[in-house]
Every structure is written in structure tokens, then in C-alpha cells.
Amino acid sequence: MDTVRPNTHEASPASVGAILHRLSAQSARPRYAFLVLNLLSEAADARGEAGPFIRREGAAVPIRDWLTEQLMPVSARDGRRGKLRVRLREAIESAAEDASASDAEVEAAVHERALAVGKTNVSRAVSDLVRAGLVERHYAGWIKDHVNRGGGRHAVYTVAREALAVMRGGGGLARAEQLRLI
């Protein structure tokens, strides 16, 4: 005889399924938002804060740039990157006097464009996470309370305590035992 499990998705993000349920209600791209949440959980300290900078190869990189770089392989899988490469090669060659663009020039232009698009995608995903109540965003830096979002400030993301525990595996086995059908 099958037992019916109660719907625990609305209350708190006590499981990966509950997190995905929340994201699917708030995001047009819930899987991408989930990847961003996973990376934020990985980068977060014990309080759940990630940012404003991440250390990479001895340098401090803004958290949004780090997230974008981490997610670049995901966006490189579709055919759009190849089409972009062709368009940028044509644009560089038409602007250049010698009419030949080096592969390095084209790759640098492709990487720069992909980073710009990636930063926008990350910002949208974080906004979805904020709406879902899984992440809080604030800014730190030179000017904190400024009407212009730029103003020398950098984003700091705080992952909700329950979501952080789920993403880091805390309580996952106990939760799995609760949901097991007998």
C-alpha cells in the first residue's frame, strides 16, 4: 500500500525538491538559478555570506564575475557561441585594415561578449533567488547607500540558513529517511 507524503514544499527549503519547487514558481530558468544557488553556497562562509570578492589565483575577483566564469562552460555548449564567433570575426575583419583577424583577437572578443551576457544572466538568476526567499542581496564598498547601483559598490549575497544547510548536505540523510516510503 502506498503512503501519501505531505506537501512540504511551501514551508521552508528543507530539501532540494522544496528548493526546486520554489524556484520553478519564481524563475523562468529554475535549473540555472539552482546552479547559481549551488555556487553561492559553495563560496559562502559559515554565516551564508558570499562576496563581495572571491580569491582566485591570488587575486580578488568580484563575486558576480566569479559566478559568471564558473558558469561559462554551461553556456558554451549551445551553437550560439559558434555563430557569435563568426559574426565577431566578420566585424573585426571589416574594421581592420589588413582584413584578417587573428584567432586570439576573435576568442578575446567572444570571451568578452560571453562574460557580459553571463553577468546579466547571473544577475537575473540572483533576482529569482531573492524573490524565492533563498538569497538576500546587499552591497558593500565605497558608497553603500547611493541611488545609482554602480557607485563603487559590489554585491554581497547571503544564502538563507535552511537553503545553505540543504545545499551543503546538512540533514540530507535525516530528511531522506523521513521521505522514504514504507
N, C-alpha and C. Protein backbone atom coordinates (compact mmCIF):
# COMPACT_ATOMS: atom_id res chain seq x y z
N MET A 1 0.84 -1.17 0.00
CA MET A 1 0.00 0.00 0.00
C MET A 1 0.89 1.25 0.00
N ASP A 2 0.57 2.17 -0.87
CA ASP A 2 1.36 3.41 -0.97
C ASP A 2 0.92 4.40 0.10
N THR A 3 1.90 5.08 0.65
CA THR A 3 1.57 6.15 1.59
C THR A 3 1.69 7.48 0.86
N VAL A 4 0.90 8.41 1.26
CA VAL A 4 0.91 9.72 0.64
C VAL A 4 1.79 10.63 1.48
N ARG A 5 2.72 11.29 0.81
CA ARG A 5 3.59 12.23 1.51
C ARG A 5 2.96 13.60 1.55
N PRO A 6 3.09 14.29 2.67
CA PRO A 6 2.55 15.65 2.74
C PRO A 6 3.37 16.58 1.86
N ASN A 7 2.73 17.63 1.35
CA ASN A 7 3.42 18.61 0.54
C ASN A 7 4.19 19.55 1.47
N THR A 8 5.49 19.37 1.55
CA THR A 8 6.32 20.17 2.45
C THR A 8 7.07 21.27 1.70
N HIS A 9 6.73 21.48 0.44
CA HIS A 9 7.49 22.42 -0.38
C HIS A 9 7.24 23.88 -0.03
N GLU A 10 6.08 24.21 0.50
CA GLU A 10 5.77 25.62 0.72
C GLU A 10 6.44 26.20 1.96
N ALA A 11 6.60 25.42 3.00
CA ALA A 11 7.02 25.95 4.30
C ALA A 11 8.45 26.49 4.27
N SER A 12 9.42 25.64 4.13
CA SER A 12 10.81 26.09 4.14
C SER A 12 11.61 25.21 3.19
N PRO A 13 12.76 25.71 2.75
CA PRO A 13 13.56 24.92 1.82
C PRO A 13 14.30 23.81 2.55
N ALA A 14 13.57 22.79 3.03
CA ALA A 14 14.17 21.72 3.81
C ALA A 14 14.72 20.60 2.95
N SER A 15 14.56 20.69 1.64
CA SER A 15 15.08 19.66 0.75
C SER A 15 15.38 20.27 -0.61
N VAL A 16 16.14 19.56 -1.40
CA VAL A 16 16.45 20.02 -2.74
C VAL A 16 15.15 20.14 -3.55
N GLY A 17 14.24 19.19 -3.36
CA GLY A 17 12.96 19.25 -4.05
C GLY A 17 12.17 20.49 -3.70
N ALA A 18 12.19 20.88 -2.43
CA ALA A 18 11.48 22.09 -2.00
C ALA A 18 12.12 23.33 -2.62
N ILE A 19 13.43 23.34 -2.69
CA ILE A 19 14.12 24.47 -3.32
C ILE A 19 13.75 24.55 -4.80
N LEU A 20 13.77 23.42 -5.49
CA LEU A 20 13.41 23.41 -6.92
C LEU A 20 11.96 23.82 -7.12
N HIS A 21 11.09 23.42 -6.23
CA HIS A 21 9.68 23.81 -6.31
C HIS A 21 9.55 25.33 -6.19
N ARG A 22 10.23 25.91 -5.22
CA ARG A 22 10.21 27.37 -5.06
C ARG A 22 10.76 28.08 -6.28
N LEU A 23 11.87 27.57 -6.80
CA LEU A 23 12.48 28.21 -7.96
C LEU A 23 11.60 28.11 -9.20
N SER A 24 10.95 26.98 -9.37
CA SER A 24 10.10 26.83 -10.56
C SER A 24 8.92 27.79 -10.52
N ALA A 25 8.52 28.20 -9.32
CA ALA A 25 7.43 29.17 -9.18
C ALA A 25 7.92 30.61 -9.41
N GLN A 26 9.21 30.87 -9.25
CA GLN A 26 9.74 32.24 -9.31
C GLN A 26 10.61 32.53 -10.52
N SER A 27 11.06 31.51 -11.22
CA SER A 27 12.07 31.71 -12.25
C SER A 27 11.67 31.08 -13.58
N ALA A 28 12.02 31.77 -14.65
CA ALA A 28 11.84 31.20 -15.98
C ALA A 28 12.92 30.16 -16.26
N ARG A 29 14.02 30.23 -15.52
CA ARG A 29 15.14 29.30 -15.69
C ARG A 29 15.54 28.72 -14.34
N PRO A 30 14.69 27.86 -13.76
CA PRO A 30 14.96 27.37 -12.40
C PRO A 30 16.24 26.54 -12.29
N ARG A 31 16.60 25.80 -13.32
CA ARG A 31 17.83 24.99 -13.23
C ARG A 31 19.07 25.87 -13.19
N TYR A 32 19.07 26.94 -13.97
CA TYR A 32 20.19 27.87 -13.96
C TYR A 32 20.27 28.57 -12.60
N ALA A 33 19.12 28.99 -12.07
CA ALA A 33 19.09 29.63 -10.75
C ALA A 33 19.60 28.66 -9.69
N PHE A 34 19.25 27.38 -9.82
CA PHE A 34 19.73 26.38 -8.87
C PHE A 34 21.25 26.24 -8.94
N LEU A 35 21.81 26.28 -10.15
CA LEU A 35 23.27 26.25 -10.29
C LEU A 35 23.92 27.44 -9.58
N VAL A 36 23.32 28.62 -9.75
CA VAL A 36 23.84 29.82 -9.10
C VAL A 36 23.75 29.67 -7.58
N LEU A 37 22.63 29.15 -7.09
CA LEU A 37 22.49 28.91 -5.65
C LEU A 37 23.54 27.93 -5.14
N ASN A 38 23.80 26.90 -5.90
CA ASN A 38 24.81 25.92 -5.51
C ASN A 38 26.19 26.56 -5.43
N LEU A 39 26.54 27.37 -6.42
CA LEU A 39 27.84 28.05 -6.40
C LEU A 39 27.93 29.05 -5.25
N LEU A 40 26.84 29.78 -4.99
CA LEU A 40 26.83 30.71 -3.86
C LEU A 40 27.02 29.97 -2.54
N SER A 41 26.37 28.82 -2.41
CA SER A 41 26.51 28.01 -1.19
C SER A 41 27.93 27.52 -1.02
N GLU A 42 28.56 27.18 -2.13
CA GLU A 42 29.95 26.72 -2.12
C GLU A 42 30.90 27.83 -1.69
N ALA A 43 30.62 29.06 -2.12
CA ALA A 43 31.51 30.19 -1.84
C ALA A 43 31.21 30.86 -0.51
N ALA A 44 30.05 30.57 0.08
CA ALA A 44 29.61 31.27 1.28
C ALA A 44 30.41 30.86 2.51
N ASP A 45 30.53 31.80 3.44
CA ASP A 45 31.16 31.50 4.73
C ASP A 45 30.14 30.84 5.65
N ALA A 46 30.48 30.67 6.92
CA ALA A 46 29.59 30.00 7.87
C ALA A 46 28.28 30.75 8.09
N ARG A 47 28.28 32.07 7.89
CA ARG A 47 27.05 32.85 8.04
C ARG A 47 26.20 32.84 6.78
N GLY A 48 26.72 32.24 5.71
CA GLY A 48 25.99 32.19 4.45
C GLY A 48 26.33 33.32 3.50
N GLU A 49 27.28 34.18 3.86
CA GLU A 49 27.64 35.32 3.02
C GLU A 49 28.70 34.95 2.00
N ALA A 50 28.47 35.39 0.77
CA ALA A 50 29.43 35.21 -0.31
C ALA A 50 29.67 36.57 -0.95
N GLY A 51 30.92 36.97 -1.01
CA GLY A 51 31.25 38.24 -1.64
C GLY A 51 31.69 39.25 -0.60
N PRO A 52 32.02 40.43 -0.98
CA PRO A 52 31.96 40.97 -2.33
C PRO A 52 33.04 40.44 -3.27
N PHE A 53 34.08 39.82 -2.71
CA PHE A 53 35.16 39.31 -3.55
C PHE A 53 35.44 37.85 -3.23
N ILE A 54 35.94 37.14 -4.23
CA ILE A 54 36.36 35.75 -4.11
C ILE A 54 37.83 35.71 -4.50
N ARG A 55 38.64 35.01 -3.72
CA ARG A 55 40.06 34.86 -4.05
C ARG A 55 40.21 33.80 -5.13
N ARG A 56 40.87 34.19 -6.22
CA ARG A 56 41.15 33.25 -7.29
C ARG A 56 42.54 33.54 -7.83
N GLU A 57 43.39 32.56 -7.72
CA GLU A 57 44.77 32.67 -8.20
C GLU A 57 45.47 33.89 -7.61
N GLY A 58 45.27 34.12 -6.33
CA GLY A 58 45.94 35.21 -5.63
C GLY A 58 45.33 36.58 -5.84
N ALA A 59 44.27 36.68 -6.63
CA ALA A 59 43.64 37.97 -6.89
C ALA A 59 42.22 37.96 -6.34
N ALA A 60 41.73 39.14 -6.00
CA ALA A 60 40.36 39.27 -5.53
C ALA A 60 39.47 39.58 -6.73
N VAL A 61 38.48 38.71 -6.96
CA VAL A 61 37.57 38.85 -8.10
C VAL A 61 36.17 39.13 -7.55
N PRO A 62 35.45 40.10 -8.11
CA PRO A 62 34.07 40.33 -7.66
C PRO A 62 33.23 39.06 -7.80
N ILE A 63 32.33 38.85 -6.85
CA ILE A 63 31.54 37.62 -6.80
C ILE A 63 30.76 37.38 -8.09
N ARG A 64 30.20 38.42 -8.68
CA ARG A 64 29.42 38.24 -9.91
C ARG A 64 30.32 37.79 -11.05
N ASP A 65 31.53 38.32 -11.13
CA ASP A 65 32.48 37.87 -12.16
C ASP A 65 32.87 36.42 -11.94
N TRP A 66 33.08 36.04 -10.68
CA TRP A 66 33.44 34.67 -10.36
C TRP A 66 32.31 33.71 -10.75
N LEU A 67 31.08 34.07 -10.40
CA LEU A 67 29.94 33.23 -10.76
C LEU A 67 29.84 33.08 -12.27
N THR A 68 30.02 34.16 -12.99
CA THR A 68 29.94 34.13 -14.45
C THR A 68 31.01 33.21 -15.02
N GLU A 69 32.23 33.31 -14.53
CA GLU A 69 33.32 32.45 -15.02
C GLU A 69 33.02 30.98 -14.72
N GLN A 70 32.46 30.70 -13.55
CA GLN A 70 32.15 29.32 -13.19
C GLN A 70 31.08 28.73 -14.11
N LEU A 71 30.15 29.56 -14.57
CA LEU A 71 29.04 29.09 -15.40
C LEU A 71 29.32 29.16 -16.90
N MET A 72 30.48 29.66 -17.30
CA MET A 72 30.82 29.77 -18.73
C MET A 72 30.75 28.43 -19.47
N PRO A 73 31.21 27.33 -18.90
CA PRO A 73 31.11 26.07 -19.65
C PRO A 73 29.67 25.66 -19.97
N VAL A 74 28.72 26.05 -19.16
CA VAL A 74 27.32 25.71 -19.41
C VAL A 74 26.83 26.44 -20.66
N SER A 75 27.21 27.69 -20.80
CA SER A 75 26.73 28.47 -21.95
C SER A 75 27.50 28.16 -23.23
N ALA A 76 28.64 27.53 -23.12
CA ALA A 76 29.45 27.23 -24.31
C ALA A 76 28.94 26.00 -25.06
N ARG A 77 27.98 25.30 -24.51
CA ARG A 77 27.53 24.05 -25.10
C ARG A 77 26.60 24.24 -26.29
N ASP A 78 25.90 25.36 -26.38
CA ASP A 78 24.97 25.53 -27.48
C ASP A 78 25.67 26.12 -28.71
N GLY A 79 24.98 26.15 -29.82
CA GLY A 79 25.57 26.62 -31.07
C GLY A 79 25.71 28.11 -31.19
N ARG A 80 25.16 28.85 -30.23
CA ARG A 80 25.23 30.31 -30.32
C ARG A 80 26.65 30.84 -30.24
N ARG A 81 27.50 30.18 -29.48
CA ARG A 81 28.89 30.64 -29.34
C ARG A 81 29.60 30.58 -30.69
N GLY A 82 29.36 29.54 -31.48
CA GLY A 82 29.97 29.43 -32.81
C GLY A 82 29.47 30.52 -33.75
N LYS A 83 28.18 30.79 -33.71
CA LYS A 83 27.61 31.85 -34.55
C LYS A 83 28.16 33.21 -34.15
N LEU A 84 28.31 33.43 -32.84
CA LEU A 84 28.88 34.68 -32.34
C LEU A 84 30.32 34.82 -32.83
N ARG A 85 31.06 33.73 -32.80
CA ARG A 85 32.45 33.73 -33.26
C ARG A 85 32.53 34.18 -34.72
N VAL A 86 31.65 33.67 -35.57
CA VAL A 86 31.64 34.03 -37.00
C VAL A 86 31.30 35.51 -37.16
N ARG A 87 30.26 35.99 -36.44
CA ARG A 87 29.87 37.40 -36.56
C ARG A 87 30.98 38.33 -36.09
N LEU A 88 31.64 37.99 -34.99
CA LEU A 88 32.71 38.84 -34.48
C LEU A 88 33.93 38.82 -35.40
N ARG A 89 34.24 37.68 -35.98
CA ARG A 89 35.35 37.62 -36.93
C ARG A 89 35.08 38.55 -38.11
N GLU A 90 33.85 38.52 -38.63
CA GLU A 90 33.49 39.39 -39.75
C GLU A 90 33.57 40.86 -39.35
N ALA A 91 33.11 41.19 -38.15
CA ALA A 91 33.15 42.58 -37.68
C ALA A 91 34.57 43.06 -37.49
N ILE A 92 35.43 42.22 -36.94
CA ILE A 92 36.83 42.60 -36.72
C ILE A 92 37.54 42.76 -38.05
N GLU A 93 37.30 41.85 -38.97
CA GLU A 93 37.96 41.92 -40.28
C GLU A 93 37.48 43.13 -41.09
N SER A 94 36.21 43.50 -40.97
CA SER A 94 35.72 44.66 -41.71
C SER A 94 36.27 45.96 -41.12
N ALA A 95 36.56 45.97 -39.84
CA ALA A 95 37.10 47.17 -39.19
C ALA A 95 38.61 47.27 -39.34
N ALA A 96 39.27 46.13 -39.55
CA ALA A 96 40.74 46.12 -39.63
C ALA A 96 41.19 46.50 -41.04
N GLU A 97 42.37 47.07 -41.10
CA GLU A 97 42.92 47.47 -42.39
C GLU A 97 43.46 46.28 -43.17
N ASP A 98 44.05 45.29 -42.48
CA ASP A 98 44.66 44.17 -43.17
C ASP A 98 43.65 43.06 -43.50
N ALA A 99 42.42 43.20 -43.04
CA ALA A 99 41.32 42.29 -43.35
C ALA A 99 41.56 40.85 -42.90
N SER A 100 42.34 40.66 -41.86
CA SER A 100 42.47 39.31 -41.30
C SER A 100 42.54 39.41 -39.78
N ALA A 101 41.63 38.74 -39.15
CA ALA A 101 41.59 38.76 -37.69
C ALA A 101 42.27 37.51 -37.17
N SER A 102 43.12 37.69 -36.18
CA SER A 102 43.78 36.53 -35.59
C SER A 102 42.78 35.77 -34.73
N ASP A 103 43.05 34.49 -34.55
CA ASP A 103 42.18 33.67 -33.71
C ASP A 103 42.14 34.19 -32.28
N ALA A 104 43.27 34.70 -31.80
CA ALA A 104 43.34 35.23 -30.44
C ALA A 104 42.44 36.45 -30.28
N GLU A 105 42.42 37.32 -31.29
CA GLU A 105 41.55 38.50 -31.25
C GLU A 105 40.08 38.09 -31.20
N VAL A 106 39.73 37.15 -32.04
CA VAL A 106 38.34 36.69 -32.11
C VAL A 106 37.95 36.03 -30.79
N GLU A 107 38.81 35.17 -30.26
CA GLU A 107 38.49 34.48 -28.99
C GLU A 107 38.36 35.47 -27.84
N ALA A 108 39.20 36.51 -27.83
CA ALA A 108 39.11 37.52 -26.78
C ALA A 108 37.78 38.27 -26.89
N ALA A 109 37.37 38.59 -28.12
CA ALA A 109 36.09 39.28 -28.32
C ALA A 109 34.92 38.39 -27.94
N VAL A 110 34.99 37.11 -28.28
CA VAL A 110 33.93 36.16 -27.92
C VAL A 110 33.85 36.04 -26.41
N HIS A 111 34.99 35.92 -25.75
CA HIS A 111 35.02 35.78 -24.30
C HIS A 111 34.44 37.03 -23.62
N GLU A 112 34.80 38.19 -24.12
CA GLU A 112 34.30 39.45 -23.55
C GLU A 112 32.78 39.55 -23.70
N ARG A 113 32.27 39.20 -24.86
CA ARG A 113 30.83 39.25 -25.09
C ARG A 113 30.10 38.22 -24.23
N ALA A 114 30.67 37.02 -24.14
CA ALA A 114 30.06 35.97 -23.33
C ALA A 114 30.03 36.35 -21.85
N LEU A 115 31.08 37.03 -21.38
CA LEU A 115 31.10 37.49 -19.99
C LEU A 115 30.01 38.52 -19.73
N ALA A 116 29.81 39.44 -20.67
CA ALA A 116 28.78 40.46 -20.50
C ALA A 116 27.40 39.81 -20.42
N VAL A 117 27.13 38.88 -21.31
CA VAL A 117 25.84 38.17 -21.30
C VAL A 117 25.72 37.34 -20.03
N GLY A 118 26.80 36.69 -19.64
CA GLY A 118 26.80 35.85 -18.44
C GLY A 118 26.51 36.65 -17.18
N LYS A 119 27.06 37.84 -17.08
CA LYS A 119 26.81 38.69 -15.91
C LYS A 119 25.33 39.06 -15.82
N THR A 120 24.72 39.34 -16.96
CA THR A 120 23.29 39.63 -16.98
C THR A 120 22.50 38.42 -16.54
N ASN A 121 22.86 37.24 -17.03
CA ASN A 121 22.17 36.01 -16.66
C ASN A 121 22.30 35.72 -15.16
N VAL A 122 23.49 35.94 -14.62
CA VAL A 122 23.71 35.72 -13.19
C VAL A 122 22.86 36.69 -12.38
N SER A 123 22.81 37.95 -12.78
CA SER A 123 22.00 38.94 -12.07
C SER A 123 20.53 38.56 -12.07
N ARG A 124 20.04 38.07 -13.21
CA ARG A 124 18.64 37.64 -13.29
C ARG A 124 18.39 36.44 -12.39
N ALA A 125 19.32 35.50 -12.39
CA ALA A 125 19.16 34.30 -11.55
C ALA A 125 19.17 34.68 -10.07
N VAL A 126 20.05 35.60 -9.68
CA VAL A 126 20.08 36.04 -8.28
C VAL A 126 18.78 36.75 -7.93
N SER A 127 18.24 37.55 -8.83
CA SER A 127 16.95 38.19 -8.57
C SER A 127 15.86 37.15 -8.36
N ASP A 128 15.88 36.07 -9.14
CA ASP A 128 14.93 34.98 -8.95
C ASP A 128 15.12 34.33 -7.57
N LEU A 129 16.37 34.14 -7.17
CA LEU A 129 16.67 33.55 -5.86
C LEU A 129 16.19 34.46 -4.72
N VAL A 130 16.32 35.76 -4.92
CA VAL A 130 15.86 36.72 -3.91
C VAL A 130 14.33 36.65 -3.81
N ARG A 131 13.65 36.64 -4.96
CA ARG A 131 12.18 36.54 -4.94
C ARG A 131 11.70 35.25 -4.29
N ALA A 132 12.47 34.18 -4.46
CA ALA A 132 12.11 32.89 -3.87
C ALA A 132 12.43 32.82 -2.38
N GLY A 133 13.11 33.83 -1.86
CA GLY A 133 13.45 33.85 -0.43
C GLY A 133 14.64 32.97 -0.08
N LEU A 134 15.44 32.60 -1.07
CA LEU A 134 16.59 31.73 -0.83
C LEU A 134 17.89 32.50 -0.65
N VAL A 135 17.92 33.73 -1.12
CA VAL A 135 19.13 34.56 -1.06
C VAL A 135 18.71 35.99 -0.75
N GLU A 136 19.54 36.68 0.01
CA GLU A 136 19.40 38.13 0.20
C GLU A 136 20.60 38.79 -0.46
N ARG A 137 20.38 39.98 -1.00
CA ARG A 137 21.46 40.69 -1.68
C ARG A 137 21.59 42.06 -1.04
N HIS A 138 22.83 42.44 -0.78
CA HIS A 138 23.11 43.80 -0.36
C HIS A 138 24.45 44.20 -1.00
N TYR A 139 24.81 45.42 -0.79
CA TYR A 139 26.02 45.93 -1.45
C TYR A 139 27.00 46.44 -0.41
N ALA A 140 28.28 46.28 -0.71
CA ALA A 140 29.35 46.76 0.15
C ALA A 140 30.36 47.47 -0.73
N GLY A 141 31.03 48.43 -0.17
CA GLY A 141 32.06 49.10 -0.95
C GLY A 141 32.17 50.57 -0.63
N TRP A 142 32.65 51.28 -1.60
CA TRP A 142 32.99 52.67 -1.44
C TRP A 142 31.80 53.53 -1.05
N ILE A 143 30.71 53.45 -1.80
CA ILE A 143 29.50 54.18 -1.46
C ILE A 143 28.40 53.16 -1.27
N LYS A 144 27.90 53.03 -0.05
CA LYS A 144 26.92 51.99 0.23
C LYS A 144 25.50 52.42 -0.13
N ASP A 145 25.06 53.57 0.31
CA ASP A 145 23.69 53.99 0.10
C ASP A 145 23.66 55.07 -0.98
N HIS A 146 23.59 54.64 -2.21
CA HIS A 146 23.63 55.55 -3.34
C HIS A 146 22.53 55.14 -4.30
N VAL A 147 21.82 56.12 -4.86
CA VAL A 147 20.71 55.80 -5.76
C VAL A 147 21.20 55.09 -7.02
N ASN A 148 22.40 55.39 -7.45
CA ASN A 148 22.99 54.71 -8.60
C ASN A 148 23.59 53.41 -8.10
N ARG A 149 23.12 52.29 -8.65
CA ARG A 149 23.59 51.00 -8.18
C ARG A 149 25.10 50.83 -8.33
N GLY A 150 25.69 51.46 -9.32
CA GLY A 150 27.13 51.37 -9.51
C GLY A 150 27.84 51.93 -8.30
N GLY A 151 28.16 53.19 -8.32
CA GLY A 151 28.69 53.90 -7.18
C GLY A 151 29.82 53.23 -6.44
N GLY A 152 30.64 52.41 -7.10
CA GLY A 152 31.78 51.77 -6.44
C GLY A 152 31.39 50.66 -5.49
N ARG A 153 30.17 50.13 -5.61
CA ARG A 153 29.71 49.10 -4.70
C ARG A 153 29.80 47.73 -5.36
N HIS A 154 29.90 46.70 -4.55
CA HIS A 154 29.96 45.33 -5.04
C HIS A 154 28.93 44.50 -4.28
N ALA A 155 28.34 43.56 -4.99
CA ALA A 155 27.28 42.73 -4.42
C ALA A 155 27.83 41.75 -3.38
N VAL A 156 27.03 41.55 -2.35
CA VAL A 156 27.26 40.51 -1.34
C VAL A 156 25.97 39.72 -1.28
N TYR A 157 26.06 38.41 -1.40
CA TYR A 157 24.88 37.55 -1.37
C TYR A 157 24.90 36.73 -0.09
N THR A 158 23.74 36.63 0.56
CA THR A 158 23.60 35.82 1.76
C THR A 158 22.57 34.73 1.48
N VAL A 159 23.02 33.49 1.55
CA VAL A 159 22.15 32.35 1.32
C VAL A 159 21.36 32.09 2.60
N ALA A 160 20.05 31.87 2.45
CA ALA A 160 19.21 31.58 3.61
C ALA A 160 19.75 30.36 4.36
N ARG A 161 19.67 30.40 5.68
CA ARG A 161 20.25 29.36 6.53
C ARG A 161 19.76 27.96 6.15
N GLU A 162 18.44 27.81 5.95
CA GLU A 162 17.89 26.50 5.61
C GLU A 162 18.39 26.02 4.25
N ALA A 163 18.43 26.93 3.28
CA ALA A 163 18.91 26.57 1.95
C ALA A 163 20.40 26.21 2.00
N LEU A 164 21.17 26.93 2.80
CA LEU A 164 22.59 26.63 2.94
C LEU A 164 22.80 25.23 3.51
N ALA A 165 22.00 24.87 4.51
CA ALA A 165 22.12 23.54 5.11
C ALA A 165 21.80 22.45 4.09
N VAL A 166 20.77 22.68 3.29
CA VAL A 166 20.40 21.69 2.27
C VAL A 166 21.48 21.58 1.21
N MET A 167 21.97 22.71 0.73
CA MET A 167 22.95 22.71 -0.35
C MET A 167 24.29 22.13 0.10
N ARG A 168 24.60 22.28 1.37
CA ARG A 168 25.86 21.73 1.88
C ARG A 168 25.69 20.31 2.39
N GLY A 169 24.47 19.77 2.30
CA GLY A 169 24.24 18.39 2.69
C GLY A 169 23.87 18.20 4.13
N GLY A 170 23.71 19.26 4.89
CA GLY A 170 23.35 19.13 6.29
C GLY A 170 21.92 18.63 6.46
N GLY A 171 21.77 17.53 7.12
CA GLY A 171 20.44 16.99 7.37
C GLY A 171 19.84 16.26 6.19
N GLY A 172 20.58 16.09 5.14
CA GLY A 172 20.06 15.43 3.96
C GLY A 172 19.67 13.99 4.19
N LEU A 173 20.46 13.23 4.95
CA LEU A 173 20.14 11.83 5.21
C LEU A 173 18.93 11.70 6.11
N ALA A 174 18.83 12.56 7.13
CA ALA A 174 17.67 12.51 8.00
C ALA A 174 16.40 12.83 7.22
N ARG A 175 16.48 13.79 6.33
CA ARG A 175 15.33 14.15 5.50
C ARG A 175 14.97 13.00 4.57
N ALA A 176 15.95 12.34 4.01
CA ALA A 176 15.70 11.20 3.12
C ALA A 176 14.99 10.08 3.89
N GLU A 177 15.37 9.87 5.14
CA GLU A 177 14.71 8.87 5.95
C GLU A 177 13.24 9.23 6.19
N GLN A 178 12.95 10.51 6.41
CA GLN A 178 11.58 10.94 6.63
C GLN A 178 10.71 10.70 5.40
N LEU A 179 11.28 10.84 4.21
CA LEU A 179 10.50 10.75 2.98
C LEU A 179 10.43 9.35 2.40
N ARG A 180 11.15 8.42 2.97
CA ARG A 180 11.16 7.06 2.44
C ARG A 180 9.78 6.43 2.58
N LEU A 181 9.35 5.80 1.51
CA LEU A 181 8.06 5.08 1.56
C LEU A 181 8.26 3.73 2.19
N ILE A 182 7.36 3.33 3.06
CA ILE A 182 7.46 2.05 3.74
C ILE A 182 6.47 1.09 3.13
